[in-house]
Amino acid sequence: MTDKNYTLADAARFTGVAKHKITYLFSSGKLPEPKRINNTRIFSKGDLNRIAKALETKIDWKAEEGISNE
């Protein structure tokens, strides 16, 4: 079984913060860039946890319902 991947929009929905606040964490060097596929940031659950910790928020995993993993 492979790990599920998430997009920036997913990360914003799960953490409840705007996408630009998440991208700022990478551009400012506060967090390392996640892997990219076709120039799209791809996040793991570990990445999402690091984002939530950096933004001092919690992840709403209920928001995961309805997201398909390609």
PDB file of N, CA and C in Angstrom:
ATOM      1  N   MET A   1       0.846  -1.187   0.000  1.00  0.00           N
ATOM      2  CA  MET A   1       0.000   0.000   0.000  1.00  0.00           C
ATOM      3  C   MET A   1       0.888   1.247   0.000  1.00  0.00           C
ATOM      4  N   THR A   2       0.557   2.215  -0.831  1.00  0.00           N
ATOM      5  CA  THR A   2       1.348   3.433  -0.906  1.00  0.00           C
ATOM      6  C   THR A   2       0.742   4.509  -0.014  1.00  0.00           C
ATOM      7  N   ASP A   3       1.592   5.443   0.368  1.00  0.00           N
ATOM      8  CA  ASP A   3       1.110   6.565   1.173  1.00  0.00           C
ATOM      9  C   ASP A   3       0.295   7.511   0.295  1.00  0.00           C
ATOM     10  N   LYS A   4      -0.667   8.146   0.902  1.00  0.00           N
ATOM     11  CA  LYS A   4      -1.512   9.078   0.174  1.00  0.00           C
ATOM     12  C   LYS A   4      -0.774  10.400   0.004  1.00  0.00           C
ATOM     13  N   ASN A   5      -0.945  11.023  -1.136  1.00  0.00           N
ATOM     14  CA  ASN A   5      -0.352  12.327  -1.409  1.00  0.00           C
ATOM     15  C   ASN A   5      -1.442  13.388  -1.416  1.00  0.00           C
ATOM     16  N   TYR A   6      -1.060  14.599  -1.045  1.00  0.00           N
ATOM     17  CA  TYR A   6      -2.007  15.701  -0.940  1.00  0.00           C
ATOM     18  C   TYR A   6      -1.475  16.916  -1.692  1.00  0.00           C
ATOM     19  N   THR A   7      -2.376  17.753  -2.160  1.00  0.00           N
ATOM     20  CA  THR A   7      -2.010  18.979  -2.869  1.00  0.00           C
ATOM     21  C   THR A   7      -1.968  20.154  -1.887  1.00  0.00           C
ATOM     22  N   LEU A   8      -1.539  21.300  -2.381  1.00  0.00           N
ATOM     23  CA  LEU A   8      -1.535  22.508  -1.568  1.00  0.00           C
ATOM     24  C   LEU A   8      -2.955  22.870  -1.128  1.00  0.00           C
ATOM     25  N   ALA A   9      -3.912  22.696  -2.026  1.00  0.00           N
ATOM     26  CA  ALA A   9      -5.312  22.983  -1.669  1.00  0.00           C
ATOM     27  C   ALA A   9      -5.784  22.070  -0.542  1.00  0.00           C
ATOM     28  N   ASP A  10      -5.381  20.798  -0.589  1.00  0.00           N
ATOM     29  CA  ASP A  10      -5.727  19.864   0.484  1.00  0.00           C
ATOM     30  C   ASP A  10      -5.106  20.325   1.801  1.00  0.00           C
ATOM     31  N   ALA A  11      -3.838  20.696   1.747  1.00  0.00           N
ATOM     32  CA  ALA A  11      -3.136  21.137   2.952  1.00  0.00           C
ATOM     33  C   ALA A  11      -3.823  22.353   3.565  1.00  0.00           C
ATOM     34  N   ALA A  12      -4.244  23.282   2.724  1.00  0.00           N
ATOM     35  CA  ALA A  12      -4.950  24.470   3.215  1.00  0.00           C
ATOM     36  C   ALA A  12      -6.283  24.090   3.847  1.00  0.00           C
ATOM     37  N   ARG A  13      -7.003  23.171   3.208  1.00  0.00           N
ATOM     38  CA  ARG A  13      -8.300  22.748   3.742  1.00  0.00           C
ATOM     39  C   ARG A  13      -8.126  22.038   5.082  1.00  0.00           C
ATOM     40  N   PHE A  14      -7.142  21.142   5.176  1.00  0.00           N
ATOM     41  CA  PHE A  14      -6.931  20.384   6.415  1.00  0.00           C
ATOM     42  C   PHE A  14      -6.494  21.263   7.581  1.00  0.00           C
ATOM     43  N   THR A  15      -5.681  22.282   7.294  1.00  0.00           N
ATOM     44  CA  THR A  15      -5.166  23.129   8.371  1.00  0.00           C
ATOM     45  C   THR A  15      -6.030  24.351   8.630  1.00  0.00           C
ATOM     46  N   GLY A  16      -6.902  24.675   7.684  1.00  0.00           N
ATOM     47  CA  GLY A  16      -7.773  25.833   7.859  1.00  0.00           C
ATOM     48  C   GLY A  16      -7.064  27.158   7.649  1.00  0.00           C
ATOM     49  N   VAL A  17      -5.956  27.161   6.920  1.00  0.00           N
ATOM     50  CA  VAL A  17      -5.232  28.409   6.638  1.00  0.00           C
ATOM     51  C   VAL A  17      -5.155  28.621   5.131  1.00  0.00           C
ATOM     52  N   ALA A  18      -4.894  29.840   4.727  1.00  0.00           N
ATOM     53  CA  ALA A  18      -4.794  30.172   3.304  1.00  0.00           C
ATOM     54  C   ALA A  18      -3.556  29.530   2.680  1.00  0.00           C
ATOM     55  N   LYS A  19      -3.663  29.211   1.401  1.00  0.00           N
ATOM     56  CA  LYS A  19      -2.558  28.575   0.683  1.00  0.00           C
ATOM     57  C   LYS A  19      -1.297  29.431   0.714  1.00  0.00           C
ATOM     58  N   HIS A  20      -1.442  30.768   0.622  1.00  0.00           N
ATOM     59  CA  HIS A  20      -0.257  31.615   0.600  1.00  0.00           C
ATOM     60  C   HIS A  20       0.531  31.547   1.911  1.00  0.00           C
ATOM     61  N   LYS A  21      -0.153  31.283   3.022  1.00  0.00           N
ATOM     62  CA  LYS A  21       0.559  31.152   4.305  1.00  0.00           C
ATOM     63  C   LYS A  21       1.406  29.887   4.315  1.00  0.00           C
ATOM     64  N   ILE A  22       0.917  28.843   3.667  1.00  0.00           N
ATOM     65  CA  ILE A  22       1.681  27.597   3.596  1.00  0.00           C
ATOM     66  C   ILE A  22       2.883  27.775   2.670  1.00  0.00           C
ATOM     67  N   THR A  23       2.671  28.387   1.505  1.00  0.00           N
ATOM     68  CA  THR A  23       3.791  28.574   0.580  1.00  0.00           C
ATOM     69  C   THR A  23       4.850  29.503   1.169  1.00  0.00           C
ATOM     70  N   TYR A  24       4.439  30.438   2.013  1.00  0.00           N
ATOM     71  CA  TYR A  24       5.407  31.326   2.668  1.00  0.00           C
ATOM     72  C   TYR A  24       6.366  30.529   3.554  1.00  0.00           C
ATOM     73  N   LEU A  25       5.893  29.468   4.174  1.00  0.00           N
ATOM     74  CA  LEU A  25       6.772  28.646   5.008  1.00  0.00           C
ATOM     75  C   LEU A  25       7.945  28.098   4.205  1.00  0.00           C
ATOM     76  N   PHE A  26       7.711  27.791   2.939  1.00  0.00           N
ATOM     77  CA  PHE A  26       8.763  27.252   2.079  1.00  0.00           C
ATOM     78  C   PHE A  26       9.657  28.353   1.536  1.00  0.00           C
ATOM     79  N   SER A  27       9.058  29.450   1.063  1.00  0.00           N
ATOM     80  CA  SER A  27       9.855  30.532   0.473  1.00  0.00           C
ATOM     81  C   SER A  27      10.714  31.236   1.514  1.00  0.00           C
ATOM     82  N   SER A  28      10.279  31.229   2.769  1.00  0.00           N
ATOM     83  CA  SER A  28      11.051  31.865   3.836  1.00  0.00           C
ATOM     84  C   SER A  28      12.088  30.930   4.452  1.00  0.00           C
ATOM     85  N   GLY A  29      12.037  29.662   4.058  1.00  0.00           N
ATOM     86  CA  GLY A  29      13.002  28.695   4.584  1.00  0.00           C
ATOM     87  C   GLY A  29      12.625  28.112   5.935  1.00  0.00           C
ATOM     88  N   LYS A  30      11.427  28.386   6.408  1.00  0.00           N
ATOM     89  CA  LYS A  30      11.002  27.844   7.703  1.00  0.00           C
ATOM     90  C   LYS A  30      10.754  26.339   7.629  1.00  0.00           C
ATOM     91  N   LEU A  31      10.363  25.862   6.438  1.00  0.00           N
ATOM     92  CA  LEU A  31      10.188  24.431   6.195  1.00  0.00           C
ATOM     93  C   LEU A  31      10.848  24.092   4.860  1.00  0.00           C
ATOM     94  N   PRO A  32      11.366  22.871   4.728  1.00  0.00           N
ATOM     95  CA  PRO A  32      11.939  22.476   3.430  1.00  0.00           C
ATOM     96  C   PRO A  32      10.827  22.255   2.401  1.00  0.00           C
ATOM     97  N   GLU A  33      11.167  22.512   1.155  1.00  0.00           N
ATOM     98  CA  GLU A  33      10.206  22.291   0.069  1.00  0.00           C
ATOM     99  C   GLU A  33       9.810  20.823   0.007  1.00  0.00           C
ATOM    100  N   PRO A  34       8.530  20.538  -0.177  1.00  0.00           N
ATOM    101  CA  PRO A  34       8.111  19.148  -0.382  1.00  0.00           C
ATOM    102  C   PRO A  34       8.471  18.722  -1.798  1.00  0.00           C
ATOM    103  N   LYS A  35       8.315  17.441  -2.084  1.00  0.00           N
ATOM    104  CA  LYS A  35       8.603  16.990  -3.444  1.00  0.00           C
ATOM    105  C   LYS A  35       7.575  17.589  -4.402  1.00  0.00           C
ATOM    106  N   ARG A  36       7.972  17.648  -5.656  1.00  0.00           N
ATOM    107  CA  ARG A  36       7.091  18.195  -6.692  1.00  0.00           C
ATOM    108  C   ARG A  36       6.937  17.178  -7.808  1.00  0.00           C
ATOM    109  N   ILE A  37       5.751  17.149  -8.360  1.00  0.00           N
ATOM    110  CA  ILE A  37       5.468  16.368  -9.558  1.00  0.00           C
ATOM    111  C   ILE A  37       4.837  17.329 -10.552  1.00  0.00           C
ATOM    112  N   ASN A  38       5.474  17.474 -11.730  1.00  0.00           N
ATOM    113  CA  ASN A  38       5.000  18.434 -12.740  1.00  0.00           C
ATOM    114  C   ASN A  38       4.824  19.831 -12.154  1.00  0.00           C
ATOM    115  N   ASN A  39       5.789  20.247 -11.354  1.00  0.00           N
ATOM    116  CA  ASN A  39       5.820  21.568 -10.712  1.00  0.00           C
ATOM    117  C   ASN A  39       4.667  21.792  -9.734  1.00  0.00           C
ATOM    118  N   THR A  40       4.052  20.716  -9.260  1.00  0.00           N
ATOM    119  CA  THR A  40       2.994  20.791  -8.254  1.00  0.00           C
ATOM    120  C   THR A  40       3.527  20.214  -6.957  1.00  0.00           C
ATOM    121  N   ARG A  41       3.420  20.979  -5.879  1.00  0.00           N
ATOM    122  CA  ARG A  41       3.863  20.468  -4.587  1.00  0.00           C
ATOM    123  C   ARG A  41       2.993  19.291  -4.172  1.00  0.00           C
ATOM    124  N   ILE A  42       3.650  18.239  -3.726  1.00  0.00           N
ATOM    125  CA  ILE A  42       2.960  17.042  -3.268  1.00  0.00           C
ATOM    126  C   ILE A  42       3.331  16.821  -1.806  1.00  0.00           C
ATOM    127  N   PHE A  43       2.327  16.733  -0.949  1.00  0.00           N
ATOM    128  CA  PHE A  43       2.547  16.621   0.490  1.00  0.00           C
ATOM    129  C   PHE A  43       2.194  15.234   0.999  1.00  0.00           C
ATOM    130  N   SER A  44       2.987  14.753   1.950  1.00  0.00           N
ATOM    131  CA  SER A  44       2.684  13.513   2.663  1.00  0.00           C
ATOM    132  C   SER A  44       1.986  13.898   3.973  1.00  0.00           C
ATOM    133  N   LYS A  45       1.527  12.900   4.707  1.00  0.00           N
ATOM    134  CA  LYS A  45       0.928  13.196   6.018  1.00  0.00           C
ATOM    135  C   LYS A  45       1.967  13.826   6.945  1.00  0.00           C
ATOM    136  N   GLY A  46       3.206  13.375   6.840  1.00  0.00           N
ATOM    137  CA  GLY A  46       4.279  13.972   7.646  1.00  0.00           C
ATOM    138  C   GLY A  46       4.471  15.445   7.319  1.00  0.00           C
ATOM    139  N   ASP A  47       4.427  15.777   6.019  1.00  0.00           N
ATOM    140  CA  ASP A  47       4.523  17.184   5.608  1.00  0.00           C
ATOM    141  C   ASP A  47       3.380  18.000   6.205  1.00  0.00           C
ATOM    142  N   LEU A  48       2.170  17.446   6.149  1.00  0.00           N
ATOM    143  CA  LEU A  48       1.014  18.159   6.697  1.00  0.00           C
ATOM    144  C   LEU A  48       1.161  18.382   8.196  1.00  0.00           C
ATOM    145  N   ASN A  49       1.687  17.398   8.900  1.00  0.00           N
ATOM    146  CA  ASN A  49       1.903  17.557  10.339  1.00  0.00           C
ATOM    147  C   ASN A  49       2.929  18.647  10.626  1.00  0.00           C
ATOM    148  N   ARG A  50       4.009  18.726   9.823  1.00  0.00           N
ATOM    149  CA  ARG A  50       5.019  19.774  10.008  1.00  0.00           C
ATOM    150  C   ARG A  50       4.432  21.150   9.719  1.00  0.00           C
ATOM    151  N   ILE A  51       3.591  21.242   8.704  1.00  0.00           N
ATOM    152  CA  ILE A  51       2.938  22.513   8.382  1.00  0.00           C
ATOM    153  C   ILE A  51       2.045  22.956   9.541  1.00  0.00           C
ATOM    154  N   ALA A  52       1.240  22.038  10.044  1.00  0.00           N
ATOM    155  CA  ALA A  52       0.333  22.365  11.156  1.00  0.00           C
ATOM    156  C   ALA A  52       1.119  22.817  12.386  1.00  0.00           C
ATOM    157  N   LYS A  53       2.214  22.145  12.666  1.00  0.00           N
ATOM    158  CA  LYS A  53       3.033  22.520  13.825  1.00  0.00           C
ATOM    159  C   LYS A  53       3.637  23.915  13.630  1.00  0.00           C
ATOM    160  N   ALA A  54       4.152  24.185  12.432  1.00  0.00           N
ATOM    161  CA  ALA A  54       4.752  25.492  12.151  1.00  0.00           C
ATOM    162  C   ALA A  54       3.733  26.616  12.237  1.00  0.00           C
ATOM    163  N   LEU A  55       2.494  26.329  11.862  1.00  0.00           N
ATOM    164  CA  LEU A  55       1.436  27.340  11.885  1.00  0.00           C
ATOM    165  C   LEU A  55       0.635  27.321  13.184  1.00  0.00           C
ATOM    166  N   GLU A  56       1.051  26.441  14.106  1.00  0.00           N
ATOM    167  CA  GLU A  56       0.397  26.319  15.410  1.00  0.00           C
ATOM    168  C   GLU A  56      -1.106  26.083  15.256  1.00  0.00           C
ATOM    169  N   THR A  57      -1.441  25.112  14.421  1.00  0.00           N
ATOM    170  CA  THR A  57      -2.826  24.735  14.202  1.00  0.00           C
ATOM    171  C   THR A  57      -2.933  23.220  14.233  1.00  0.00           C
ATOM    172  N   LYS A  58      -4.126  22.712  14.131  1.00  0.00           N
ATOM    173  CA  LYS A  58      -4.349  21.264  14.101  1.00  0.00           C
ATOM    174  C   LYS A  58      -4.922  20.871  12.752  1.00  0.00           C
ATOM    175  N   ILE A  59      -4.744  19.614  12.407  1.00  0.00           N
ATOM    176  CA  ILE A  59      -5.251  19.110  11.140  1.00  0.00           C
ATOM    177  C   ILE A  59      -6.644  18.534  11.336  1.00  0.00           C
ATOM    178  N   ASP A  60      -7.552  18.926  10.453  1.00  0.00           N
ATOM    179  CA  ASP A  60      -8.908  18.388  10.452  1.00  0.00           C
ATOM    180  C   ASP A  60      -8.956  17.256   9.433  1.00  0.00           C
ATOM    181  N   TRP A  61      -8.690  16.026   9.889  1.00  0.00           N
ATOM    182  CA  TRP A  61      -8.658  14.892   8.972  1.00  0.00           C
ATOM    183  C   TRP A  61     -10.039  14.550   8.430  1.00  0.00           C
ATOM    184  N   LYS A  62     -11.096  15.086   9.028  1.00  0.00           N
ATOM    185  CA  LYS A  62     -12.437  14.870   8.489  1.00  0.00           C
ATOM    186  C   LYS A  62     -12.573  15.504   7.116  1.00  0.00           C
ATOM    187  N   ALA A  63     -11.758  16.518   6.840  1.00  0.00           N
ATOM    188  CA  ALA A  63     -11.784  17.188   5.536  1.00  0.00           C
ATOM    189  C   ALA A  63     -11.260  16.285   4.433  1.00  0.00           C
ATOM    190  N   GLU A  64     -10.683  15.138   4.819  1.00  0.00           N
ATOM    191  CA  GLU A  64     -10.131  14.211   3.838  1.00  0.00           C
ATOM    192  C   GLU A  64     -11.217  13.463   3.068  1.00  0.00           C
ATOM    193  N   GLU A  65     -12.403  13.407   3.595  1.00  0.00           N
ATOM    194  CA  GLU A  65     -13.495  12.690   2.938  1.00  0.00           C
ATOM    195  C   GLU A  65     -13.746  13.278   1.555  1.00  0.00           C
ATOM    196  N   GLY A  66     -13.847  12.424   0.589  1.00  0.00           N
ATOM    197  CA  GLY A  66     -14.139  12.872  -0.761  1.00  0.00           C
ATOM    198  C   GLY A  66     -12.930  13.200  -1.608  1.00  0.00           C
ATOM    199  N   ILE A  67     -11.727  13.069  -1.045  1.00  0.00           N
ATOM    200  CA  ILE A  67     -10.514  13.340  -1.820  1.00  0.00           C
ATOM    201  C   ILE A  67     -10.033  12.019  -2.398  1.00  0.00           C
ATOM    202  N   SER A  68      -9.815  11.996  -3.693  1.00  0.00           N
ATOM    203  CA  SER A  68      -9.309  10.782  -4.331  1.00  0.00           C
ATOM    204  C   SER A  68      -7.806  10.876  -4.476  1.00  0.00           C
ATOM    205  N   ASN A  69      -7.129   9.750  -4.364  1.00  0.00           N
ATOM    206  CA  ASN A  69      -5.682   9.699  -4.532  1.00  0.00           C
ATOM    207  C   ASN A  69      -5.384   9.080  -5.883  1.00  0.00           C
ATOM    208  N   GLU A  70      -4.686   9.831  -6.713  1.00  0.00           N
ATOM    209  CA  GLU A  70      -4.363   9.333  -8.047  1.00  0.00           C
ATOM    210  C   GLU A  70      -3.135   8.479  -8.031  1.00  0.00           C
TER     211      GLU A  70
END
